Protein backbone atom coordinates (compact mmCIF):
# COMPACT_ATOMS: atom_id res chain seq x y z
CA UNK A 1 85.57 72.52 85.85
CA UNK A 2 86.40 68.85 85.86
CA UNK A 3 88.59 69.09 82.75
CA UNK A 4 91.10 71.87 82.25
CA UNK A 5 93.35 70.22 79.64
CA UNK A 6 92.36 70.04 75.97
CA UNK A 7 93.78 69.38 72.52
CA UNK A 8 92.35 72.61 71.09
CA UNK A 9 90.95 75.74 72.74
CA UNK A 10 89.19 78.42 70.69
CA UNK A 11 88.89 81.93 72.11
CA UNK A 12 85.63 83.40 70.80
CA UNK A 13 82.38 81.71 69.77
CA UNK A 14 81.34 83.72 66.72
CA UNK A 15 80.72 81.89 63.41
CA UNK A 16 84.46 81.30 63.01
CA UNK A 17 84.94 80.10 66.58
CA UNK A 18 81.98 77.77 66.98
CA UNK A 19 82.32 76.23 63.50
CA UNK A 20 86.01 75.64 64.18
CA UNK A 21 85.13 73.96 67.47
CA UNK A 22 82.64 71.65 65.76
CA UNK A 23 85.09 70.64 63.04
CA UNK A 24 87.79 70.06 65.66
CA UNK A 25 85.44 67.80 67.61
CA UNK A 26 84.53 65.92 64.42
CA UNK A 27 88.23 65.25 63.89
CA UNK A 28 88.54 63.73 67.34
CA UNK A 29 90.13 66.64 69.19
CA UNK A 30 89.18 67.27 72.80
CA UNK A 31 87.89 70.80 72.34
CA UNK A 32 86.91 73.80 74.46
CA UNK A 33 85.56 77.19 73.49
CA UNK A 34 85.96 80.33 75.59
CA UNK A 35 83.39 83.13 75.28
CA UNK A 36 83.21 86.32 77.32
CA UNK A 37 79.70 87.47 76.39
CA UNK A 38 77.30 85.30 74.35
CA UNK A 39 77.52 82.19 72.19
CA UNK A 40 77.43 83.03 68.50
CA UNK A 41 79.44 86.22 68.95
CA UNK A 42 78.60 89.51 67.26
CA UNK A 43 77.34 87.93 64.04
CA UNK A 44 74.54 85.86 65.50
CA UNK A 45 73.63 88.26 68.28
CA UNK A 46 74.26 91.79 66.97
CA UNK A 47 75.39 91.52 63.37
CA UNK A 48 74.69 89.35 60.34
CA UNK A 49 71.55 87.57 61.50
CA UNK A 50 69.52 90.15 63.49
CA UNK A 51 70.17 92.82 60.85
CA UNK A 52 68.70 90.51 58.21
CA UNK A 53 65.63 90.09 60.42
CA UNK A 54 65.28 93.88 60.56
CA UNK A 55 65.73 94.19 56.80
CA UNK A 56 63.12 91.49 56.21
CA UNK A 57 60.59 93.53 58.20
CA UNK A 58 61.52 96.57 56.11
CA UNK A 59 61.10 94.57 52.90
CA UNK A 60 57.62 93.36 53.86
CA UNK A 61 56.62 96.89 54.91
CA UNK A 62 57.77 98.15 51.51
CA UNK A 63 55.67 95.54 49.70
CA UNK A 64 52.62 96.35 51.81
CA UNK A 65 53.01 100.00 50.90
CA UNK A 66 53.02 99.00 47.23
CA UNK A 67 50.32 96.33 47.42
CA UNK A 68 48.34 98.19 44.75
CA UNK A 69 51.11 97.44 42.24
CA UNK A 70 50.27 93.73 42.63
CA UNK A 71 46.49 94.14 42.39
CA UNK A 72 46.08 93.96 46.17
CA UNK A 73 44.64 96.22 48.83
CA UNK A 74 46.31 96.78 52.18
CA UNK A 75 44.77 99.51 54.30
CA UNK A 76 46.28 101.41 57.22
CA UNK A 77 49.76 100.00 56.74
CA UNK A 78 51.90 100.92 59.74
CA UNK A 79 54.71 99.52 61.83
CA UNK A 80 55.64 99.05 65.46
CA UNK A 81 59.37 99.70 65.96
CA UNK A 82 59.43 97.81 69.26
CA UNK A 83 57.79 94.75 67.67
CA UNK A 84 60.22 94.89 64.72
CA UNK A 85 63.17 94.96 67.11
CA UNK A 86 61.60 92.28 69.32
CA UNK A 87 61.33 89.92 66.35
CA UNK A 88 64.96 90.57 65.46
CA UNK A 89 66.08 89.86 69.02
CA UNK A 90 63.98 86.67 69.09
CA UNK A 91 65.71 85.45 65.92
CA UNK A 92 69.11 86.15 67.52
CA UNK A 93 68.07 84.34 70.71
CA UNK A 94 66.94 81.29 68.74
CA UNK A 95 70.31 81.05 67.02
CA UNK A 96 72.19 81.67 70.25
CA UNK A 97 70.34 78.73 71.78
CA UNK A 98 71.14 76.72 68.67
CA UNK A 99 74.87 77.23 69.11
CA UNK A 100 74.55 76.05 72.72
CA UNK A 101 72.83 72.90 71.48
CA UNK A 102 75.57 72.28 68.91
CA UNK A 103 78.25 72.60 71.58
CA UNK A 104 76.52 69.97 73.72
CA UNK A 105 75.87 67.71 70.75
CA UNK A 106 79.56 67.75 69.81
CA UNK A 107 80.76 67.42 73.44
CA UNK A 108 82.58 70.76 73.31
CA UNK A 109 83.35 72.33 76.67
CA UNK A 110 82.06 75.92 76.94
CA UNK A 111 83.91 78.20 79.34
CA UNK A 112 82.28 81.60 79.87
CA UNK A 113 84.77 84.34 80.65
CA UNK A 114 87.55 86.47 79.24
CA UNK A 115 90.62 84.55 78.15
CA UNK A 116 94.24 85.67 78.24
CA UNK A 117 97.27 83.71 77.07
CA UNK A 118 99.80 83.13 79.84
CA UNK A 119 101.96 80.82 77.72
CA UNK A 120 101.75 79.45 74.19
CA UNK A 121 99.83 76.45 75.57
CA UNK A 122 98.06 78.00 78.56
CA UNK A 123 95.03 80.23 78.94
CA UNK A 124 93.72 82.03 81.99
CA UNK A 125 89.95 82.63 81.91
CA UNK A 126 88.36 85.18 84.22
CA UNK A 127 84.66 84.52 84.67
CA UNK A 128 81.94 87.10 85.27
CA UNK A 129 81.90 85.96 88.90
CA UNK A 130 85.53 87.09 89.21
CA UNK A 131 86.88 83.56 89.56
CA UNK A 132 89.73 82.44 87.32
CA UNK A 133 90.14 79.09 85.60
CA UNK A 134 93.47 77.94 84.19
CA UNK A 135 93.24 75.93 80.95
CA UNK A 136 95.86 74.19 78.86
CA UNK A 137 95.98 73.04 75.23
CA UNK A 138 98.59 72.16 72.63
CA UNK A 139 96.76 74.35 70.12
CA UNK A 140 95.02 77.67 70.89
CA UNK A 141 93.02 79.45 68.18
CA UNK A 142 92.19 83.14 68.56
CA UNK A 143 88.78 83.97 67.06
CA UNK A 144 87.91 87.13 68.99
CA UNK A 145 86.38 89.07 66.12
CA UNK A 146 86.21 92.84 65.85
CA UNK A 147 84.42 95.88 67.25
CA UNK A 148 83.30 99.21 65.72
CA UNK A 149 86.12 101.57 64.83
CA UNK A 150 85.95 104.90 66.66
CA UNK A 151 87.22 108.11 65.09
CA UNK A 152 88.21 111.18 67.15
CA UNK A 153 85.34 113.65 67.36
CA UNK A 154 82.82 111.06 66.17
CA UNK A 155 82.75 108.99 69.35
CA UNK A 156 79.47 107.12 69.89
CA UNK A 157 77.51 108.01 73.03
CA UNK A 158 74.70 105.41 72.75
CA UNK A 159 72.06 108.15 72.65
CA UNK A 160 72.68 110.57 69.80
CA UNK A 161 75.61 108.89 68.01
CA UNK A 162 75.11 105.17 67.50
CA UNK A 163 77.19 102.18 66.51
CA UNK A 164 75.45 99.17 65.00
CA UNK A 165 74.58 97.99 68.53
CA UNK A 166 72.24 100.93 69.17
CA UNK A 167 71.06 101.06 65.55
CA UNK A 168 69.75 97.50 65.84
CA UNK A 169 67.54 98.19 68.82
CA UNK A 170 66.10 101.71 68.47
CA UNK A 171 63.17 102.68 70.68
CA UNK A 172 61.76 104.56 67.70
CA UNK A 173 62.64 105.36 64.11
CA UNK A 174 64.30 108.79 64.05
CA UNK A 175 62.82 111.35 61.71
CA UNK A 176 66.28 112.11 60.34
CA UNK A 177 69.53 110.19 60.33
CA UNK A 178 73.13 110.70 59.26
CA UNK A 179 75.14 107.59 58.36
CA UNK A 180 78.92 108.05 58.34
CA UNK A 181 80.42 105.39 56.08
CA UNK A 182 78.89 103.57 53.12
CA UNK A 183 80.26 100.07 53.47
CA UNK A 184 77.90 97.13 53.97
CA UNK A 185 76.97 98.09 57.56
CA UNK A 186 76.30 101.73 56.78
CA UNK A 187 74.30 101.10 53.61
CA UNK A 188 72.19 98.35 55.19
CA UNK A 189 71.14 100.66 58.03
CA UNK A 190 70.58 103.55 55.62
CA UNK A 191 68.27 101.29 53.60
CA UNK A 192 66.45 99.99 56.69
CA UNK A 193 65.70 103.36 58.24
CA UNK A 194 64.80 104.98 54.91
CA UNK A 195 62.22 102.29 54.24
CA UNK A 196 60.58 103.12 57.57
CA UNK A 197 60.41 106.81 56.72
CA UNK A 198 63.58 108.42 58.09
CA UNK A 199 65.24 111.19 56.10
CA UNK A 200 68.68 109.65 55.53
CA UNK A 201 71.99 111.26 54.60
CA UNK A 202 75.09 109.14 53.86
CA UNK A 203 78.63 110.54 53.93
CA UNK A 204 81.49 108.54 52.40
CA UNK A 205 85.11 109.73 52.41
CA UNK A 206 86.03 107.72 49.29
CA UNK A 207 84.93 108.61 45.73
CA UNK A 208 82.19 105.95 45.57
CA UNK A 209 79.75 104.33 47.94
CA UNK A 210 80.30 100.64 48.63
CA UNK A 211 84.04 101.15 48.06
CA UNK A 212 84.97 97.47 47.65
CA UNK A 213 82.41 96.92 44.90
CA UNK A 214 82.73 97.29 41.14
CA UNK A 215 82.35 100.98 40.26
CA UNK A 216 79.58 100.35 37.71
CA UNK A 217 77.53 98.35 40.22
CA UNK A 218 78.10 100.94 42.96
CA UNK A 219 76.96 103.73 40.62
CA UNK A 220 73.83 101.75 39.72
CA UNK A 221 73.07 101.21 43.42
CA UNK A 222 73.65 104.89 44.20
CA UNK A 223 71.02 105.94 41.65
CA UNK A 224 68.57 103.51 43.21
CA UNK A 225 69.25 104.83 46.72
CA UNK A 226 68.93 108.45 45.60
CA UNK A 227 65.65 107.63 43.86
CA UNK A 228 64.43 106.35 47.22
CA UNK A 229 65.29 109.73 48.72
CA UNK A 230 68.63 108.96 50.39
CA UNK A 231 71.05 111.90 50.16
CA UNK A 232 74.61 110.83 49.42
CA UNK A 233 77.90 112.70 49.72
CA UNK A 234 81.04 110.98 48.37
CA UNK A 235 84.60 112.27 48.59
CA UNK A 236 83.39 114.01 51.73
CA UNK A 237 83.89 113.71 55.46
CA UNK A 238 82.22 114.73 58.69
CA UNK A 239 84.59 117.08 60.48
CA UNK A 240 82.50 117.97 63.53
CA UNK A 241 79.47 116.80 65.49
CA UNK A 242 77.67 119.39 67.63
CA UNK A 243 75.46 117.42 70.02
CA UNK A 244 72.29 119.06 71.31
CA UNK A 245 69.76 117.61 73.77
CA UNK A 246 67.96 115.50 71.16
CA UNK A 247 69.69 116.25 67.86
CA UNK A 248 73.10 116.52 66.25
CA UNK A 249 74.45 119.14 63.84
CA UNK A 250 77.12 117.68 61.60
CA UNK A 251 79.63 119.74 59.66
CA UNK A 252 80.45 118.08 56.33
CA UNK A 253 83.51 118.91 54.26
CA UNK A 254 82.22 118.20 50.74
CA UNK A 255 85.73 117.67 49.34
CA UNK A 256 85.24 120.50 46.86
CA UNK A 257 86.34 123.34 49.11
CA UNK A 258 82.95 123.86 50.70
CA UNK A 259 81.18 122.81 53.88
CA UNK A 260 77.60 121.99 54.73
CA UNK A 261 75.79 121.61 58.01
CA UNK A 262 73.19 118.89 58.40
CA UNK A 263 71.03 118.64 61.51
CA UNK A 264 69.61 115.21 62.29
CA UNK A 265 68.04 113.40 65.20
CA UNK A 266 70.58 110.57 65.22
CA UNK A 267 73.95 109.62 63.73
CA UNK A 268 75.25 106.14 62.93
CA UNK A 269 79.02 105.77 62.88
CA UNK A 270 79.81 102.97 60.41
CA UNK A 271 83.45 103.72 59.64
CA UNK A 272 84.66 100.14 59.85
CA UNK A 273 85.79 97.77 62.56
CA UNK A 274 89.04 96.93 64.34
CA UNK A 275 90.21 93.54 65.53
CA UNK A 276 89.91 92.56 69.21
CA UNK A 277 93.58 91.92 69.91
CA UNK A 278 93.88 93.67 73.27
CA UNK A 279 94.21 91.92 76.65
CA UNK A 280 94.88 88.54 75.04
CA UNK A 281 98.53 88.31 76.09
CA UNK A 282 99.71 88.40 72.48
CA UNK A 283 102.46 90.94 73.14
CA UNK A 284 103.78 88.90 76.06
CA UNK A 285 104.26 85.90 73.79
CA UNK A 286 105.57 87.89 70.83
CA UNK A 287 102.66 87.18 68.49
CA UNK A 288 102.99 89.55 65.52
CA UNK A 289 100.19 91.94 64.65
CA UNK A 290 99.73 94.61 62.01
CA UNK A 291 97.20 97.47 62.31
CA UNK A 292 94.90 95.61 64.67
CA UNK A 293 95.11 92.25 62.91
CA UNK A 294 97.06 89.13 63.87
CA UNK A 295 99.48 88.07 61.13
CA UNK A 296 98.99 84.46 59.96
CA UNK A 297 100.10 82.16 57.14
CA UNK A 298 97.84 80.32 54.69
CA UNK A 299 96.85 77.82 57.40
CA UNK A 300 96.21 80.56 59.97
CA UNK A 301 99.32 79.83 62.00
CA UNK A 302 100.91 82.79 63.77
CA UNK A 303 104.65 83.21 64.19
CA UNK A 304 104.37 81.48 67.59
CA UNK A 305 103.98 77.67 67.26
CA UNK A 306 100.70 76.43 68.72
CA UNK A 307 98.89 79.76 68.41
CA UNK A 308 96.54 80.47 65.49
CA UNK A 309 94.10 83.21 64.48
CA UNK A 310 90.99 83.19 62.28
CA UNK A 311 88.23 85.56 61.22
CA UNK A 312 88.08 89.34 61.62
CA UNK A 313 90.96 89.37 64.11
CA UNK A 314 93.17 87.83 61.39
CA UNK A 315 92.44 90.61 58.88
CA UNK A 316 90.26 91.23 55.83
CA UNK A 317 87.94 90.41 54.28
CA UNK A 318 85.90 90.78 57.48
CA UNK A 319 83.19 88.26 56.67
CA UNK A 320 81.61 85.51 58.75
CA UNK A 321 81.87 82.91 55.99
CA UNK A 322 85.56 83.68 55.58
CA UNK A 323 86.03 83.09 59.32
CA UNK A 324 84.21 79.75 59.18
CA UNK A 325 86.25 78.49 56.25
CA UNK A 326 89.52 79.64 57.81
CA UNK A 327 88.67 77.74 60.99
CA UNK A 328 88.00 74.51 59.10
CA UNK A 329 91.27 74.84 57.16
CA UNK A 330 93.13 75.61 60.39
CA UNK A 331 92.01 72.52 62.32
CA UNK A 332 92.30 70.24 59.29
CA UNK A 333 95.91 71.39 58.90
CA UNK A 334 96.52 70.70 62.59
CA UNK A 335 95.12 67.20 62.00
CA UNK A 336 97.51 66.73 59.06
CA UNK A 337 94.79 66.48 56.39
CA UNK A 338 96.60 68.89 54.03
CA UNK A 339 93.65 71.17 53.17
CA UNK A 340 93.79 73.63 50.29
CA UNK A 341 94.68 77.18 51.42
CA UNK A 342 91.82 79.63 50.93
CA UNK A 343 91.87 81.83 47.83
CA UNK A 344 90.51 85.13 49.14
CA UNK A 345 89.69 86.21 45.59
CA UNK A 346 86.94 83.59 45.59
CA UNK A 347 85.19 84.80 48.75
CA UNK A 348 81.81 86.36 47.88
CA UNK A 349 80.66 89.61 49.43
CA UNK A 350 77.01 90.46 50.02
CA UNK A 351 75.18 93.62 51.09
CA UNK A 352 71.52 93.15 52.04
CA UNK A 353 70.14 96.62 51.36
CA UNK A 354 67.43 97.33 48.78
CA UNK A 355 68.52 96.70 46.08
CA UNK A 356 70.91 93.97 47.20
CA UNK A 357 74.54 93.88 46.05
CA UNK A 358 76.70 90.77 45.64
CA UNK A 359 80.11 90.13 44.11
CA UNK A 360 83.04 87.76 43.78
CA UNK A 361 86.45 88.02 42.17
CA UNK A 362 88.06 90.94 40.36
CA UNK A 363 86.27 94.20 39.74
CA UNK A 364 86.68 95.73 36.28
CA UNK A 365 89.19 98.22 37.68
CA UNK A 366 91.20 95.53 39.50
CA UNK A 367 91.40 93.39 36.35
CA UNK A 368 92.62 96.35 34.31
CA UNK A 369 95.18 97.29 36.97
CA UNK A 370 96.58 93.77 36.63
CA UNK A 371 96.93 94.37 32.88
CA UNK A 372 94.56 91.51 32.09
CA UNK A 373 92.97 91.35 28.66
CA UNK A 374 89.29 91.09 29.53
CA UNK A 375 85.87 90.89 28.00
CA UNK A 376 82.72 91.81 29.89
CA UNK A 377 79.09 90.91 29.69
CA UNK A 378 76.03 92.57 31.22
CA UNK A 379 72.39 91.72 31.52
CA UNK A 380 69.68 93.98 32.98
CA UNK A 381 66.85 92.73 35.18
CA UNK A 382 64.39 94.42 32.84
CA UNK A 383 65.12 91.68 30.28
CA UNK A 384 64.19 88.84 32.66
CA UNK A 385 60.64 87.49 32.80
CA UNK A 386 60.80 86.35 36.44
CA UNK A 387 62.12 89.75 37.57
CA UNK A 388 59.27 91.50 35.79
CA UNK A 389 56.72 89.10 37.30
CA UNK A 390 58.16 89.75 40.76
CA UNK A 391 57.95 93.50 40.24
CA UNK A 392 61.74 93.65 40.62
CA UNK A 393 62.93 94.69 37.18
CA UNK A 394 65.60 97.13 38.38
CA UNK A 395 69.03 95.52 38.55
CA UNK A 396 72.13 94.41 36.66
CA UNK A 397 74.37 91.35 36.34
CA UNK A 398 77.95 91.89 35.17
CA UNK A 399 80.64 89.30 34.44
CA UNK A 400 84.33 89.63 33.62
CA UNK A 401 86.29 87.03 31.62
CA UNK A 402 89.92 86.56 30.64
CA UNK A 403 89.79 87.05 26.89
CA UNK A 404 92.62 84.59 26.22
CA UNK A 405 91.55 81.65 28.41
CA UNK A 406 87.82 82.14 28.97
CA UNK A 407 88.40 82.04 32.72
CA UNK A 408 85.69 83.75 34.77
CA UNK A 409 87.55 86.45 36.70
CA UNK A 410 84.71 88.20 38.50
CA UNK A 411 80.96 88.60 38.80
CA UNK A 412 79.02 91.56 40.18
CA UNK A 413 75.30 92.01 40.73
CA UNK A 414 72.79 94.52 42.00
CA UNK A 415 69.09 93.78 42.35
CA UNK A 416 66.57 91.49 44.02
CA UNK A 417 67.94 88.27 45.58
CA UNK A 418 71.43 88.63 44.12
CA UNK A 419 72.89 87.57 47.47
CA UNK A 420 71.42 84.13 46.74
CA UNK A 421 72.40 84.12 43.06
CA UNK A 422 76.08 84.95 43.53
CA UNK A 423 76.96 81.48 44.80
CA UNK A 424 76.42 80.06 41.32
CA UNK A 425 79.35 82.11 40.06
CA UNK A 426 81.38 81.30 43.19
CA UNK A 427 81.02 77.57 42.49
CA UNK A 428 81.89 78.14 38.83
CA UNK A 429 85.05 80.04 39.72
CA UNK A 430 86.13 77.39 42.25
CA UNK A 431 85.71 74.76 39.53
CA UNK A 432 87.75 76.92 37.12
CA UNK A 433 84.80 76.96 34.75
CA UNK A 434 85.16 78.63 31.37
CA UNK A 435 82.57 80.58 29.40
CA UNK A 436 81.93 77.52 27.22
CA UNK A 437 80.84 75.41 30.17
CA UNK A 438 78.60 78.19 31.49
CA UNK A 439 76.99 78.67 28.09
CA UNK A 440 76.27 74.95 27.83
CA UNK A 441 74.70 74.87 31.31
CA UNK A 442 70.89 74.69 31.25
CA UNK A 443 69.30 77.26 33.57
CA UNK A 444 65.66 76.76 34.63
CA UNK A 445 62.97 79.07 33.25
CA UNK A 446 61.53 81.31 34.50
CA UNK A 447 64.12 82.21 37.14
CA UNK A 448 66.31 85.14 38.06
CA UNK A 449 69.28 82.81 37.56
CA UNK A 450 68.78 82.94 33.78
CA UNK A 451 70.35 86.40 33.90
CA UNK A 452 73.61 84.76 34.97
CA UNK A 453 73.74 82.86 31.69
CA UNK A 454 72.58 85.85 29.66
CA UNK A 455 75.40 88.01 31.05
CA UNK A 456 77.88 85.34 29.95
CA UNK A 457 76.26 85.19 26.52
CA UNK A 458 76.53 88.98 26.28
CA UNK A 459 80.27 88.82 26.93
CA UNK A 460 80.58 86.62 23.83
CA UNK A 461 78.14 88.45 21.55
CA UNK A 462 75.35 85.91 21.93
CA UNK A 463 72.86 87.54 24.32
CA UNK A 464 69.28 86.52 23.61
CA UNK A 465 66.74 88.57 25.53
CA UNK A 466 67.81 92.20 25.10
């Protein structure tokens, strides 16, 4: 390399890393990004984006199977698993190339290799060719993301027991599948494989599926999944996996004093992720961590001056958009622009199964635990003309307000396209909008978004269409 000295170096090129690099370059910093595997990180290559490509194929397949419901005829509907995966990989490759283009456009140096901090302002990068490059920067931002969590006895083997890596590129759709964990990753894969005909069983150790979601929304989603034929165990855990030549027998403790044995072709372990903090030299420099996450302040500064951390490696919520926003705040603070610290309560969460789930802010339970005096509104998809016209009349919108101030405290949705709708409430909450302003907002007709207004109206005894 011609240049080895920079203003800012980012370790990791996932959404947090590459967006941070771009913003740093925009602010005039001489910037480099270090990546050990592929530009775009897990999200663009093996996570957020390719999974949505898979789920889109599943969605279209579902509609083709139900063409008759729309007055259409589609004969001999089938699917090619290899072609479905190939499309997903092509989408990931396109975005990977796009990140490379953005790095060149913004004159950001890309150093491929594994980085390790040798001092608070120095980084040693070992390339795949075994050669080492020494880099220096006044500011070093760790954006190394996370990897699948592995539990004893449930270790993935890439053949019978999968992580999301193997689940995203199956050679065929297994006839039967056990999904351990019902967070976003687990439920999305359960939905995908069920749509393509697999017999799916989901085991969740906590009392409800989708544990971070509002209990009412999670219960609604569970009924929808069970209607599709997905078997769900909650308050249960897999205690043993007996691996055969081409199947797995799982022993399930049902949490009620009994056990069941389920035999499936494949298992997906989706029990969470853990931050990539190893081999970075953090311990050598005294950077504080807690349970696999780097401890930072509101501007993502660690306890060691000049070292920062963003994204999954800096702790929950483990979301790409959280990582991006943290990175922007981090470099703007370095520049002295005095950005607003991020309010994690206002970060939306989305799960792209069928039906979709989206949320922001307090759940009903969280609001009650904080002793807040609340009022709630609900509106069902069955009362919305656009939802009925789309053939998607199964869903629910729920809002939570502070009874005293009218402040919108939370919004929770389940149903078609709610991952697109949720941002309306996110904007409203960021603007500290009250129920009065939402009620006086004109929503276009006919749209799914009208349900957002109707849920608010319901909270104040003024609902119109149910």
